[in-house]
Amino acid sequence: MRYEIQMRTPMGIKRGEVFIEEREGRLAAELTMFGERNQLSGSAVPEYACRFTGSLKTAVGEVECVL
């Protein structure tokens, strides 16, 4: 599934998109933001929510993130 997203950052609100799919019983996501594609891994959490972790590539380097 593809979603358009907005993320609050220290540089203001940034827009991007995320593609989420299930692979071998786990969630995987590709987040496109700051002109870069970022691979994230995730899991389902209670009440129909998801949690993803990974690194975001930015102009100042890679930043660890939890979404």
Protein backbone atom coordinates (compact mmCIF):
# COMPACT_ATOMS: atom_id res chain seq x y z
CA MET A 1 0.00 0.00 0.00
CA ARG A 2 1.24 3.48 -0.85
CA TYR A 3 0.66 6.52 1.39
CA GLU A 4 1.54 10.19 1.10
CA ILE A 5 2.90 11.45 4.42
CA GLN A 6 4.00 14.60 6.21
CA MET A 7 6.69 14.55 8.89
CA ARG A 8 7.49 17.26 11.42
CA THR A 9 11.24 17.86 11.47
CA PRO A 10 13.52 20.54 12.97
CA MET A 11 13.54 22.02 9.44
CA GLY A 12 9.73 22.22 9.30
CA ILE A 13 7.14 19.92 7.79
CA LYS A 14 8.51 17.66 5.04
CA ARG A 15 6.41 15.69 2.59
CA GLY A 16 7.15 12.22 1.32
CA GLU A 17 5.59 8.88 0.52
CA VAL A 18 5.81 5.43 1.99
CA PHE A 19 5.14 2.05 0.40
CA ILE A 20 4.32 -0.69 2.93
CA GLU A 21 4.18 -4.42 2.26
CA GLU A 22 4.27 -7.67 4.19
CA ARG A 23 7.27 -9.94 3.60
CA GLU A 24 7.46 -13.33 5.28
CA GLY A 25 5.11 -12.27 8.08
CA ARG A 26 6.94 -8.98 8.78
CA LEU A 27 6.25 -5.46 7.61
CA ALA A 28 8.70 -3.67 5.32
CA ALA A 29 8.53 -0.09 4.12
CA GLU A 30 10.27 2.11 1.61
CA LEU A 31 10.11 5.76 2.64
CA THR A 32 10.92 8.38 0.01
CA MET A 33 11.82 11.68 1.64
CA PHE A 34 14.48 14.36 1.12
CA GLY A 35 14.86 12.99 -2.43
CA GLU A 36 16.15 9.65 -1.10
CA ARG A 37 14.69 6.16 -0.77
CA ASN A 38 15.03 4.66 2.70
CA GLN A 39 14.39 1.02 3.64
CA LEU A 40 12.66 0.48 7.00
CA SER A 41 11.64 -2.64 8.89
CA GLY A 42 8.58 -2.81 11.06
CA SER A 43 5.97 -4.69 12.97
CA ALA A 44 2.32 -4.35 13.86
CA VAL A 45 1.51 -3.00 17.28
CA PRO A 46 -1.83 -3.07 19.13
CA GLU A 47 -4.89 -1.26 17.80
CA TYR A 48 -4.10 -1.34 14.06
CA ALA A 49 -0.88 0.65 14.21
CA CYS A 50 2.62 0.02 12.83
CA ARG A 51 6.10 0.81 14.08
CA PHE A 52 9.06 1.15 11.72
CA THR A 53 12.77 1.63 12.41
CA GLY A 54 15.69 2.45 10.16
CA SER A 55 17.87 5.29 8.92
CA LEU A 56 16.86 8.35 6.92
CA LYS A 57 19.33 9.71 4.39
CA THR A 58 19.42 13.52 4.66
CA ALA A 59 21.62 16.34 3.37
CA VAL A 60 23.66 16.19 6.59
CA GLY A 61 24.05 12.39 6.68
CA GLU A 62 22.04 9.43 7.95
CA VAL A 63 19.74 9.85 10.95
CA GLU A 64 18.26 6.93 12.92
CA CYS A 65 14.47 7.08 13.08
CA VAL A 66 11.44 5.40 14.58
CA LEU A 67 8.08 5.94 12.88
